[in-house]
Amino acid sequence: MQSSSATRAPSKGERTRRRILASAIEHFAATGLDGGSVPEIARQAGLSHGAVYQHFGRKEALFRAAVDADLSAMLAEAHPALDLPAPAPEDLVAAVGVLLGASRTHPLARRVLANIDAEQTEALRDLEALTELEQRLVAAVARGQAAGTLRTDLDAAAIAAGVIGTALPLLVVGIRLDGVADIPRSTDAVGFLVDVLRPPKS
């Protein structure tokens, strides 16, 4: 049988790293970076303080790793919506709602996105999972264009960049106002994005 990193059992070091990240995600989601405590994260993970530093070094590096892990897991929940064989505009826009729902089970990603600042925006831009999401979106747009469900007068990459540039602010506002019965203009914004993606009427 062929062995690969996708199928082999995780090493002890990998299991320890995952335990630390799980603890850090929960802890930083409650406290933020400034209020976070590496000794407390170690205690919650059932590890020594030194073990955490051995894997991640300074608290800031652990925070960034925890944010990356939780954001990556959250973004991955939108993949099925982007992997349809012939996505329609409604399918692509529905990914925003999927991510809003996913944010409720990814507390650190939710906290970061709800309080996003210039530094966090830069970190998000560099996130490999966001690059992967955009690549999936480009491929989804290309399939939709080939099937006639999406407009073809613009390049798939340009459409994907526009969707992400519009959808991410919608997601941030949605997270900030989650629980509000009627988010002003949200329906209009979603409807506009759907209409922009439709093929023009002949």
N, C-alpha and C. Protein backbone atom coordinates (compact mmCIF):
# COMPACT_ATOMS: atom_id res chain seq x y z
N MET A 1 0.85 -1.19 0.00
CA MET A 1 0.00 0.00 0.00
C MET A 1 0.88 1.24 0.00
N GLN A 2 0.48 2.24 -0.82
CA GLN A 2 1.29 3.45 -0.92
C GLN A 2 1.03 4.34 0.28
N SER A 3 2.09 4.81 0.87
CA SER A 3 1.97 5.67 2.04
C SER A 3 2.04 7.12 1.62
N SER A 4 1.27 7.97 2.27
CA SER A 4 1.29 9.42 1.99
C SER A 4 0.98 10.17 3.25
N SER A 5 1.31 11.49 3.24
CA SER A 5 1.04 12.32 4.42
C SER A 5 -0.44 12.44 4.68
N ALA A 6 -1.28 12.19 3.63
CA ALA A 6 -2.72 12.32 3.80
C ALA A 6 -3.31 11.12 4.52
N THR A 7 -2.64 9.94 4.44
CA THR A 7 -3.22 8.73 5.01
C THR A 7 -2.46 8.22 6.23
N ARG A 8 -1.20 8.58 6.39
CA ARG A 8 -0.43 8.05 7.51
C ARG A 8 -0.92 8.66 8.83
N ALA A 9 -0.70 7.92 9.89
CA ALA A 9 -1.09 8.41 11.21
C ALA A 9 -0.19 9.59 11.59
N PRO A 10 -0.76 10.62 12.24
CA PRO A 10 0.07 11.75 12.64
C PRO A 10 1.12 11.35 13.67
N SER A 11 2.27 11.97 13.59
CA SER A 11 3.33 11.70 14.55
C SER A 11 2.97 12.28 15.91
N LYS A 12 3.74 11.91 16.91
CA LYS A 12 3.51 12.44 18.25
C LYS A 12 3.64 13.96 18.25
N GLY A 13 4.63 14.47 17.50
CA GLY A 13 4.80 15.92 17.43
C GLY A 13 3.62 16.60 16.78
N GLU A 14 3.08 15.99 15.73
CA GLU A 14 1.91 16.56 15.06
C GLU A 14 0.69 16.54 15.97
N ARG A 15 0.52 15.44 16.72
CA ARG A 15 -0.61 15.37 17.66
C ARG A 15 -0.48 16.42 18.75
N THR A 16 0.74 16.63 19.24
CA THR A 16 0.97 17.66 20.26
C THR A 16 0.66 19.03 19.70
N ARG A 17 1.11 19.29 18.48
CA ARG A 17 0.86 20.59 17.85
C ARG A 17 -0.65 20.84 17.71
N ARG A 18 -1.38 19.82 17.32
CA ARG A 18 -2.83 19.96 17.16
C ARG A 18 -3.50 20.26 18.50
N ARG A 19 -3.04 19.58 19.55
CA ARG A 19 -3.60 19.83 20.88
C ARG A 19 -3.36 21.27 21.31
N ILE A 20 -2.15 21.75 21.05
CA ILE A 20 -1.82 23.14 21.42
C ILE A 20 -2.70 24.11 20.63
N LEU A 21 -2.83 23.88 19.33
CA LEU A 21 -3.63 24.78 18.51
C LEU A 21 -5.10 24.77 18.93
N ALA A 22 -5.64 23.60 19.23
CA ALA A 22 -7.04 23.52 19.67
C ALA A 22 -7.24 24.33 20.95
N SER A 23 -6.31 24.19 21.88
CA SER A 23 -6.38 24.94 23.13
C SER A 23 -6.21 26.43 22.88
N ALA A 24 -5.26 26.78 22.00
CA ALA A 24 -5.00 28.19 21.72
C ALA A 24 -6.18 28.85 21.03
N ILE A 25 -6.82 28.14 20.11
CA ILE A 25 -7.99 28.70 19.42
C ILE A 25 -9.08 29.03 20.42
N GLU A 26 -9.37 28.10 21.30
CA GLU A 26 -10.42 28.33 22.31
C GLU A 26 -10.03 29.47 23.25
N HIS A 27 -8.77 29.48 23.67
CA HIS A 27 -8.33 30.48 24.64
C HIS A 27 -8.29 31.88 24.03
N PHE A 28 -7.65 32.03 22.86
CA PHE A 28 -7.54 33.34 22.25
C PHE A 28 -8.90 33.86 21.78
N ALA A 29 -9.82 32.95 21.44
CA ALA A 29 -11.17 33.39 21.06
C ALA A 29 -11.85 34.09 22.22
N ALA A 30 -11.52 33.66 23.45
CA ALA A 30 -12.12 34.26 24.64
C ALA A 30 -11.37 35.49 25.13
N THR A 31 -10.04 35.53 24.91
CA THR A 31 -9.23 36.58 25.53
C THR A 31 -8.61 37.57 24.54
N GLY A 32 -8.47 37.17 23.28
CA GLY A 32 -7.69 37.97 22.34
C GLY A 32 -6.21 37.75 22.59
N LEU A 33 -5.39 38.39 21.76
CA LEU A 33 -3.94 38.24 21.90
C LEU A 33 -3.44 38.84 23.20
N ASP A 34 -3.83 40.07 23.48
CA ASP A 34 -3.29 40.78 24.65
C ASP A 34 -3.64 40.08 25.96
N GLY A 35 -4.83 39.52 26.03
CA GLY A 35 -5.25 38.85 27.27
C GLY A 35 -4.84 37.40 27.34
N GLY A 36 -4.23 36.89 26.28
CA GLY A 36 -3.88 35.48 26.23
C GLY A 36 -2.72 35.12 27.13
N SER A 37 -2.72 33.88 27.59
CA SER A 37 -1.68 33.38 28.49
C SER A 37 -1.17 32.04 27.99
N VAL A 38 0.11 31.99 27.62
CA VAL A 38 0.69 30.73 27.14
C VAL A 38 0.65 29.66 28.24
N PRO A 39 0.97 29.98 29.49
CA PRO A 39 0.85 28.95 30.53
C PRO A 39 -0.56 28.38 30.65
N GLU A 40 -1.57 29.24 30.48
CA GLU A 40 -2.94 28.76 30.57
C GLU A 40 -3.28 27.86 29.38
N ILE A 41 -2.79 28.24 28.20
CA ILE A 41 -3.00 27.40 27.01
C ILE A 41 -2.34 26.04 27.22
N ALA A 42 -1.13 26.04 27.76
CA ALA A 42 -0.43 24.79 28.04
C ALA A 42 -1.21 23.94 29.04
N ARG A 43 -1.73 24.59 30.09
CA ARG A 43 -2.50 23.86 31.10
C ARG A 43 -3.74 23.22 30.48
N GLN A 44 -4.46 23.99 29.65
CA GLN A 44 -5.67 23.46 29.01
C GLN A 44 -5.34 22.30 28.07
N ALA A 45 -4.16 22.35 27.46
CA ALA A 45 -3.76 21.28 26.54
C ALA A 45 -3.16 20.09 27.27
N GLY A 46 -2.93 20.22 28.57
CA GLY A 46 -2.32 19.15 29.35
C GLY A 46 -0.85 18.97 29.06
N LEU A 47 -0.18 20.10 28.75
CA LEU A 47 1.23 20.07 28.39
C LEU A 47 2.01 21.05 29.26
N SER A 48 3.31 20.95 29.17
CA SER A 48 4.15 21.90 29.89
C SER A 48 4.25 23.20 29.11
N HIS A 49 4.55 24.25 29.86
CA HIS A 49 4.77 25.58 29.26
C HIS A 49 5.86 25.48 28.20
N GLY A 50 6.91 24.75 28.51
CA GLY A 50 8.05 24.62 27.59
C GLY A 50 7.68 23.92 26.30
N ALA A 51 6.74 22.97 26.37
CA ALA A 51 6.33 22.26 25.15
C ALA A 51 5.68 23.20 24.16
N VAL A 52 4.90 24.15 24.67
CA VAL A 52 4.25 25.12 23.78
C VAL A 52 5.30 25.99 23.11
N TYR A 53 6.26 26.48 23.88
CA TYR A 53 7.31 27.32 23.30
C TYR A 53 8.18 26.53 22.32
N GLN A 54 8.36 25.26 22.59
CA GLN A 54 9.16 24.43 21.69
C GLN A 54 8.52 24.35 20.30
N HIS A 55 7.20 24.28 20.26
CA HIS A 55 6.49 24.15 18.99
C HIS A 55 6.22 25.49 18.32
N PHE A 56 6.02 26.55 19.10
CA PHE A 56 5.56 27.80 18.50
C PHE A 56 6.37 29.04 18.88
N GLY A 57 7.20 28.94 19.87
CA GLY A 57 7.98 30.11 20.25
C GLY A 57 7.13 31.13 21.00
N ARG A 58 7.21 32.37 20.58
CA ARG A 58 6.56 33.47 21.30
C ARG A 58 5.03 33.39 21.18
N LYS A 59 4.36 34.09 22.10
CA LYS A 59 2.90 34.09 22.11
C LYS A 59 2.32 34.61 20.79
N GLU A 60 2.96 35.62 20.21
CA GLU A 60 2.46 36.20 18.97
C GLU A 60 2.46 35.17 17.84
N ALA A 61 3.51 34.33 17.80
CA ALA A 61 3.59 33.29 16.77
C ALA A 61 2.51 32.23 16.98
N LEU A 62 2.23 31.89 18.22
CA LEU A 62 1.17 30.93 18.52
C LEU A 62 -0.18 31.51 18.14
N PHE A 63 -0.39 32.78 18.42
CA PHE A 63 -1.66 33.43 18.06
C PHE A 63 -1.86 33.39 16.55
N ARG A 64 -0.82 33.75 15.80
CA ARG A 64 -0.94 33.76 14.34
C ARG A 64 -1.22 32.35 13.81
N ALA A 65 -0.55 31.34 14.38
CA ALA A 65 -0.78 29.97 13.95
C ALA A 65 -2.21 29.53 14.26
N ALA A 66 -2.71 29.93 15.43
CA ALA A 66 -4.08 29.57 15.81
C ALA A 66 -5.10 30.25 14.91
N VAL A 67 -4.86 31.53 14.59
CA VAL A 67 -5.75 32.26 13.68
C VAL A 67 -5.74 31.60 12.31
N ASP A 68 -4.54 31.30 11.80
CA ASP A 68 -4.44 30.65 10.50
C ASP A 68 -5.19 29.32 10.47
N ALA A 69 -5.03 28.53 11.54
CA ALA A 69 -5.67 27.21 11.59
C ALA A 69 -7.19 27.34 11.61
N ASP A 70 -7.71 28.26 12.43
CA ASP A 70 -9.17 28.38 12.55
C ASP A 70 -9.78 29.02 11.31
N LEU A 71 -9.12 30.03 10.74
CA LEU A 71 -9.61 30.63 9.50
C LEU A 71 -9.58 29.62 8.36
N SER A 72 -8.51 28.84 8.29
CA SER A 72 -8.39 27.85 7.22
C SER A 72 -9.50 26.81 7.32
N ALA A 73 -9.79 26.35 8.53
CA ALA A 73 -10.86 25.37 8.72
C ALA A 73 -12.22 25.98 8.37
N MET A 74 -12.41 27.24 8.72
CA MET A 74 -13.67 27.90 8.40
C MET A 74 -13.85 28.07 6.89
N LEU A 75 -12.81 28.54 6.21
CA LEU A 75 -12.90 28.75 4.77
C LEU A 75 -13.12 27.44 4.03
N ALA A 76 -12.56 26.35 4.55
CA ALA A 76 -12.71 25.05 3.89
C ALA A 76 -14.17 24.60 3.84
N GLU A 77 -15.00 25.11 4.73
CA GLU A 77 -16.40 24.72 4.75
C GLU A 77 -17.15 25.26 3.53
N ALA A 78 -16.57 26.24 2.84
CA ALA A 78 -17.21 26.77 1.64
C ALA A 78 -16.84 25.99 0.39
N HIS A 79 -15.88 25.07 0.49
CA HIS A 79 -15.42 24.35 -0.70
C HIS A 79 -16.54 23.60 -1.43
N PRO A 80 -17.42 22.87 -0.72
CA PRO A 80 -18.47 22.14 -1.46
C PRO A 80 -19.34 23.05 -2.32
N ALA A 81 -19.61 24.27 -1.85
CA ALA A 81 -20.43 25.20 -2.62
C ALA A 81 -19.73 25.64 -3.89
N LEU A 82 -18.39 25.55 -3.90
CA LEU A 82 -17.62 25.99 -5.05
C LEU A 82 -17.23 24.83 -5.96
N ASP A 83 -17.54 23.62 -5.57
CA ASP A 83 -17.11 22.45 -6.33
C ASP A 83 -18.23 21.87 -7.18
N LEU A 84 -19.34 22.57 -7.32
CA LEU A 84 -20.44 22.09 -8.14
C LEU A 84 -20.02 22.07 -9.61
N PRO A 85 -20.55 21.15 -10.40
CA PRO A 85 -20.11 21.05 -11.80
C PRO A 85 -20.48 22.25 -12.65
N ALA A 86 -21.62 22.88 -12.38
CA ALA A 86 -22.04 24.04 -13.18
C ALA A 86 -22.70 25.06 -12.26
N PRO A 87 -21.91 25.74 -11.43
CA PRO A 87 -22.49 26.63 -10.43
C PRO A 87 -23.23 27.81 -11.05
N ALA A 88 -24.35 28.15 -10.46
CA ALA A 88 -25.12 29.33 -10.83
C ALA A 88 -24.72 30.48 -9.91
N PRO A 89 -25.10 31.72 -10.25
CA PRO A 89 -24.76 32.85 -9.37
C PRO A 89 -25.19 32.62 -7.92
N GLU A 90 -26.39 32.05 -7.73
CA GLU A 90 -26.89 31.82 -6.38
C GLU A 90 -25.99 30.87 -5.60
N ASP A 91 -25.39 29.90 -6.29
CA ASP A 91 -24.50 28.94 -5.61
C ASP A 91 -23.26 29.63 -5.08
N LEU A 92 -22.67 30.50 -5.92
CA LEU A 92 -21.46 31.20 -5.50
C LEU A 92 -21.74 32.14 -4.34
N VAL A 93 -22.84 32.87 -4.43
CA VAL A 93 -23.17 33.83 -3.37
C VAL A 93 -23.56 33.10 -2.09
N ALA A 94 -24.14 31.89 -2.23
CA ALA A 94 -24.52 31.11 -1.04
C ALA A 94 -23.32 30.78 -0.17
N ALA A 95 -22.11 30.78 -0.76
CA ALA A 95 -20.91 30.49 0.02
C ALA A 95 -20.72 31.49 1.15
N VAL A 96 -21.19 32.74 0.95
CA VAL A 96 -21.09 33.75 2.02
C VAL A 96 -21.91 33.30 3.22
N GLY A 97 -23.13 32.82 2.97
CA GLY A 97 -23.96 32.32 4.06
C GLY A 97 -23.37 31.10 4.74
N VAL A 98 -22.74 30.24 3.94
CA VAL A 98 -22.08 29.06 4.50
C VAL A 98 -20.98 29.49 5.46
N LEU A 99 -20.19 30.48 5.04
CA LEU A 99 -19.08 30.95 5.89
C LEU A 99 -19.61 31.66 7.13
N LEU A 100 -20.71 32.39 7.01
CA LEU A 100 -21.30 33.02 8.18
C LEU A 100 -21.73 31.96 9.19
N GLY A 101 -22.37 30.90 8.70
CA GLY A 101 -22.74 29.81 9.61
C GLY A 101 -21.52 29.13 10.20
N ALA A 102 -20.49 28.93 9.37
CA ALA A 102 -19.27 28.27 9.84
C ALA A 102 -18.57 29.08 10.91
N SER A 103 -18.71 30.40 10.85
CA SER A 103 -18.03 31.25 11.84
C SER A 103 -18.52 30.97 13.26
N ARG A 104 -19.72 30.42 13.37
CA ARG A 104 -20.27 30.15 14.71
C ARG A 104 -19.58 28.98 15.39
N THR A 105 -18.88 28.14 14.60
CA THR A 105 -18.15 27.02 15.19
C THR A 105 -16.64 27.20 15.06
N HIS A 106 -16.23 28.37 14.64
CA HIS A 106 -14.80 28.71 14.55
C HIS A 106 -14.60 30.05 15.27
N PRO A 107 -14.53 29.98 16.61
CA PRO A 107 -14.63 31.20 17.41
C PRO A 107 -13.49 32.19 17.23
N LEU A 108 -12.28 31.71 17.00
CA LEU A 108 -11.17 32.64 16.85
C LEU A 108 -11.25 33.34 15.49
N ALA A 109 -11.59 32.59 14.44
CA ALA A 109 -11.78 33.20 13.13
C ALA A 109 -12.88 34.25 13.21
N ARG A 110 -13.94 33.93 13.91
CA ARG A 110 -15.06 34.87 14.07
C ARG A 110 -14.61 36.14 14.79
N ARG A 111 -13.84 35.97 15.87
CA ARG A 111 -13.38 37.14 16.63
C ARG A 111 -12.48 38.02 15.77
N VAL A 112 -11.56 37.40 15.03
CA VAL A 112 -10.63 38.17 14.20
C VAL A 112 -11.38 38.91 13.10
N LEU A 113 -12.31 38.22 12.41
CA LEU A 113 -13.03 38.86 11.33
C LEU A 113 -13.96 39.96 11.83
N ALA A 114 -14.54 39.76 13.00
CA ALA A 114 -15.45 40.78 13.55
C ALA A 114 -14.71 42.03 13.98
N ASN A 115 -13.42 41.90 14.28
CA ASN A 115 -12.64 43.05 14.76
C ASN A 115 -11.44 43.29 13.85
N ILE A 116 -11.62 43.05 12.56
CA ILE A 116 -10.49 43.09 11.65
C ILE A 116 -9.90 44.49 11.55
N ASP A 117 -8.57 44.56 11.55
CA ASP A 117 -7.86 45.83 11.40
C ASP A 117 -6.85 45.68 10.27
N ALA A 118 -6.02 46.71 10.08
CA ALA A 118 -5.10 46.71 8.94
C ALA A 118 -4.12 45.54 9.02
N GLU A 119 -3.60 45.24 10.22
CA GLU A 119 -2.64 44.15 10.37
C GLU A 119 -3.29 42.80 10.07
N GLN A 120 -4.51 42.61 10.57
CA GLN A 120 -5.20 41.35 10.35
C GLN A 120 -5.62 41.20 8.88
N THR A 121 -5.96 42.33 8.23
CA THR A 121 -6.29 42.28 6.81
C THR A 121 -5.10 41.80 6.01
N GLU A 122 -3.90 42.26 6.37
CA GLU A 122 -2.68 41.83 5.67
C GLU A 122 -2.42 40.35 5.92
N ALA A 123 -2.63 39.91 7.15
CA ALA A 123 -2.44 38.50 7.48
C ALA A 123 -3.43 37.63 6.72
N LEU A 124 -4.66 38.10 6.60
CA LEU A 124 -5.68 37.36 5.86
C LEU A 124 -5.31 37.26 4.39
N ARG A 125 -4.78 38.34 3.84
CA ARG A 125 -4.39 38.37 2.43
C ARG A 125 -3.31 37.33 2.15
N ASP A 126 -2.44 37.08 3.12
CA ASP A 126 -1.34 36.14 2.95
C ASP A 126 -1.72 34.70 3.29
N LEU A 127 -2.94 34.47 3.71
CA LEU A 127 -3.37 33.15 4.17
C LEU A 127 -3.50 32.19 2.99
N GLU A 128 -2.79 31.06 3.07
CA GLU A 128 -2.82 30.08 1.97
C GLU A 128 -4.24 29.58 1.72
N ALA A 129 -5.04 29.45 2.77
CA ALA A 129 -6.40 28.94 2.60
C ALA A 129 -7.26 29.91 1.80
N LEU A 130 -7.01 31.21 1.92
CA LEU A 130 -7.76 32.18 1.13
C LEU A 130 -7.33 32.10 -0.34
N THR A 131 -6.04 31.89 -0.58
CA THR A 131 -5.56 31.70 -1.95
C THR A 131 -6.19 30.47 -2.57
N GLU A 132 -6.28 29.37 -1.79
CA GLU A 132 -6.92 28.16 -2.29
C GLU A 132 -8.40 28.40 -2.58
N LEU A 133 -9.07 29.14 -1.70
CA LEU A 133 -10.48 29.45 -1.91
C LEU A 133 -10.67 30.24 -3.20
N GLU A 134 -9.79 31.20 -3.43
CA GLU A 134 -9.89 32.00 -4.65
C GLU A 134 -9.64 31.13 -5.89
N GLN A 135 -8.68 30.21 -5.80
CA GLN A 135 -8.41 29.32 -6.93
C GLN A 135 -9.62 28.43 -7.22
N ARG A 136 -10.26 27.93 -6.17
CA ARG A 136 -11.47 27.14 -6.35
C ARG A 136 -12.57 27.98 -6.98
N LEU A 137 -12.66 29.23 -6.55
CA LEU A 137 -13.68 30.12 -7.10
C LEU A 137 -13.43 30.40 -8.58
N VAL A 138 -12.18 30.64 -8.95
CA VAL A 138 -11.85 30.85 -10.37
C VAL A 138 -12.28 29.63 -11.18
N ALA A 139 -11.96 28.43 -10.69
CA ALA A 139 -12.34 27.21 -11.40
C ALA A 139 -13.86 27.07 -11.48
N ALA A 140 -14.55 27.43 -10.39
CA ALA A 140 -16.02 27.35 -10.38
C ALA A 140 -16.62 28.32 -11.40
N VAL A 141 -16.08 29.53 -11.45
CA VAL A 141 -16.57 30.51 -12.42
C VAL A 141 -16.35 30.00 -13.85
N ALA A 142 -15.17 29.44 -14.10
CA ALA A 142 -14.88 28.92 -15.44
C ALA A 142 -15.86 27.81 -15.82
N ARG A 143 -16.20 26.93 -14.87
CA ARG A 143 -17.18 25.87 -15.16
C ARG A 143 -18.55 26.46 -15.42
N GLY A 144 -18.93 27.47 -14.62
CA GLY A 144 -20.22 28.12 -14.83
C GLY A 144 -20.28 28.83 -16.17
N GLN A 145 -19.18 29.45 -16.56
CA GLN A 145 -19.14 30.12 -17.86
C GLN A 145 -19.29 29.09 -18.99
N ALA A 146 -18.61 27.97 -18.87
CA ALA A 146 -18.70 26.93 -19.90
C ALA A 146 -20.11 26.35 -19.98
N ALA A 147 -20.81 26.31 -18.84
CA ALA A 147 -22.17 25.76 -18.81
C ALA A 147 -23.23 26.80 -19.16
N GLY A 148 -22.81 28.07 -19.27
CA GLY A 148 -23.76 29.12 -19.60
C GLY A 148 -24.54 29.67 -18.41
N THR A 149 -24.12 29.32 -17.18
CA THR A 149 -24.83 29.80 -16.00
C THR A 149 -24.26 31.11 -15.46
N LEU A 150 -23.06 31.48 -15.90
CA LEU A 150 -22.42 32.72 -15.44
C LEU A 150 -21.99 33.54 -16.65
N ARG A 151 -21.87 34.83 -16.45
CA ARG A 151 -21.49 35.74 -17.53
C ARG A 151 -20.12 35.36 -18.09
N THR A 152 -19.95 35.59 -19.38
CA THR A 152 -18.70 35.21 -20.04
C THR A 152 -17.94 36.40 -20.61
N ASP A 153 -18.46 37.61 -20.39
CA ASP A 153 -17.80 38.79 -20.96
C ASP A 153 -16.62 39.27 -20.13
N LEU A 154 -16.39 38.64 -18.97
CA LEU A 154 -15.25 38.96 -18.12
C LEU A 154 -14.45 37.70 -17.86
N ASP A 155 -13.15 37.86 -17.64
CA ASP A 155 -12.27 36.74 -17.31
C ASP A 155 -12.68 36.13 -15.98
N ALA A 156 -12.56 34.79 -15.89
CA ALA A 156 -12.95 34.09 -14.66
C ALA A 156 -12.19 34.61 -13.44
N ALA A 157 -10.90 34.88 -13.61
CA ALA A 157 -10.11 35.38 -12.47
C ALA A 157 -10.58 36.76 -12.03
N ALA A 158 -10.97 37.60 -12.99
CA ALA A 158 -11.45 38.94 -12.65
C ALA A 158 -12.79 38.85 -11.90
N ILE A 159 -13.65 37.96 -12.35
CA ILE A 159 -14.93 37.78 -11.66
C ILE A 159 -14.70 37.25 -10.25
N ALA A 160 -13.80 36.26 -10.10
CA ALA A 160 -13.52 35.70 -8.78
C ALA A 160 -12.98 36.76 -7.83
N ALA A 161 -12.06 37.60 -8.34
CA ALA A 161 -11.51 38.66 -7.50
C ALA A 161 -12.59 39.63 -7.07
N GLY A 162 -13.52 39.94 -7.97
CA GLY A 162 -14.63 40.83 -7.63
C GLY A 162 -15.57 40.23 -6.61
N VAL A 163 -15.83 38.92 -6.75
CA VAL A 163 -16.70 38.24 -5.79
C VAL A 163 -16.08 38.26 -4.40
N ILE A 164 -14.80 37.93 -4.32
CA ILE A 164 -14.13 37.91 -3.01
C ILE A 164 -14.07 39.32 -2.42
N GLY A 165 -13.75 40.30 -3.26
CA GLY A 165 -13.68 41.67 -2.78
C GLY A 165 -15.01 42.19 -2.27
N THR A 166 -16.11 41.66 -2.81
CA THR A 166 -17.45 42.05 -2.35
C THR A 166 -17.93 41.18 -1.19
N ALA A 167 -17.63 39.88 -1.29
CA ALA A 167 -18.18 38.93 -0.32
C ALA A 167 -17.52 39.03 1.05
N LEU A 168 -16.20 39.29 1.09
CA LEU A 168 -15.53 39.36 2.39
C LEU A 168 -16.08 40.49 3.26
N PRO A 169 -16.27 41.71 2.72
CA PRO A 169 -16.90 42.74 3.56
C PRO A 169 -18.32 42.35 4.00
N LEU A 170 -19.08 41.69 3.10
CA LEU A 170 -20.41 41.22 3.48
C LEU A 170 -20.32 40.23 4.65
N LEU A 171 -19.32 39.35 4.58
CA LEU A 171 -19.13 38.37 5.65
C LEU A 171 -18.78 39.04 6.96
N VAL A 172 -17.87 40.02 6.91
CA VAL A 172 -17.47 40.73 8.13
C VAL A 172 -18.66 41.44 8.75
N VAL A 173 -19.44 42.14 7.93
CA VAL A 173 -20.63 42.83 8.45
C VAL A 173 -21.62 41.82 9.00
N GLY A 174 -21.79 40.70 8.29
CA GLY A 174 -22.70 39.67 8.76
C GLY A 174 -22.30 39.12 10.11
N ILE A 175 -21.00 38.91 10.33
CA ILE A 175 -20.51 38.41 11.61
C ILE A 175 -20.74 39.46 12.71
N ARG A 176 -20.43 40.71 12.39
CA ARG A 176 -20.60 41.76 13.39
C ARG A 176 -22.06 41.93 13.81
N LEU A 177 -22.97 41.75 12.86
CA LEU A 177 -24.39 41.99 13.13
C LEU A 177 -25.17 40.70 13.29
N ASP A 178 -24.48 39.56 13.41
CA ASP A 178 -25.16 38.28 13.52
C ASP A 178 -26.12 38.32 14.71
N GLY A 179 -27.33 37.88 14.48
CA GLY A 179 -28.35 37.91 15.52
C GLY A 179 -29.31 39.07 15.35
N VAL A 180 -28.92 40.08 14.55
CA VAL A 180 -29.83 41.18 14.26
C VAL A 180 -30.87 40.65 13.28
N ALA A 181 -32.13 40.85 13.58
CA ALA A 181 -33.20 40.26 12.78
C ALA A 181 -33.19 40.76 11.34
N ASP A 182 -32.91 42.03 11.15
CA ASP A 182 -32.96 42.61 9.81
C ASP A 182 -31.70 43.44 9.59
N ILE A 183 -30.73 42.89 8.87
CA ILE A 183 -29.50 43.62 8.59
C ILE A 183 -29.77 44.54 7.42
N PRO A 184 -29.70 45.85 7.62
CA PRO A 184 -30.05 46.78 6.55
C PRO A 184 -29.24 46.54 5.28
N ARG A 185 -29.94 46.52 4.14
CA ARG A 185 -29.35 46.43 2.81
C ARG A 185 -28.70 45.10 2.48
N SER A 186 -28.71 44.12 3.41
CA SER A 186 -28.01 42.86 3.13
C SER A 186 -28.65 42.13 1.96
N THR A 187 -29.98 42.08 1.94
CA THR A 187 -30.67 41.41 0.83
C THR A 187 -30.38 42.10 -0.49
N ASP A 188 -30.37 43.45 -0.46
CA ASP A 188 -30.07 44.21 -1.67
C ASP A 188 -28.66 43.89 -2.18
N ALA A 189 -27.70 43.82 -1.26
CA ALA A 189 -26.31 43.57 -1.65
C ALA A 189 -26.15 42.18 -2.24
N VAL A 190 -26.77 41.19 -1.62
CA VAL A 190 -26.69 39.82 -2.13
C VAL A 190 -27.37 39.73 -3.49
N GLY A 191 -28.54 40.35 -3.61
CA GLY A 191 -29.25 40.33 -4.88
C GLY A 191 -28.47 41.00 -5.99
N PHE A 192 -27.80 42.10 -5.66
CA PHE A 192 -26.99 42.81 -6.64
C PHE A 192 -25.84 41.92 -7.13
N LEU A 193 -25.19 41.24 -6.19
CA LEU A 193 -24.07 40.37 -6.56
C LEU A 193 -24.54 39.23 -7.46
N VAL A 194 -25.69 38.65 -7.15
CA VAL A 194 -26.25 37.59 -7.99
C VAL A 194 -26.52 38.12 -9.40
N ASP A 195 -27.14 39.30 -9.48
CA ASP A 195 -27.47 39.87 -10.79
C ASP A 195 -26.20 40.19 -11.61
N VAL A 196 -25.16 40.64 -10.93
CA VAL A 196 -23.90 40.96 -11.62
C VAL A 196 -23.29 39.70 -12.23
N LEU A 197 -23.50 38.55 -11.61
CA LEU A 197 -22.88 37.31 -12.09
C LEU A 197 -23.69 36.65 -13.22
N ARG A 198 -24.93 37.04 -13.37
CA ARG A 198 -25.76 36.40 -14.40
C ARG A 198 -25.29 36.74 -15.80
N PRO A 199 -25.49 35.81 -16.75
CA PRO A 199 -25.22 36.16 -18.15
C PRO A 199 -26.18 37.27 -18.60
N PRO A 200 -25.73 38.22 -19.41
CA PRO A 200 -26.64 39.25 -19.88
C PRO A 200 -27.75 38.67 -20.73
N LYS A 201 -28.94 39.25 -20.62
CA LYS A 201 -30.05 38.77 -21.43
C LYS A 201 -29.84 39.17 -22.88
N SER A 202 -30.13 38.23 -23.77
CA SER A 202 -29.95 38.49 -25.19
C SER A 202 -31.16 39.23 -25.77
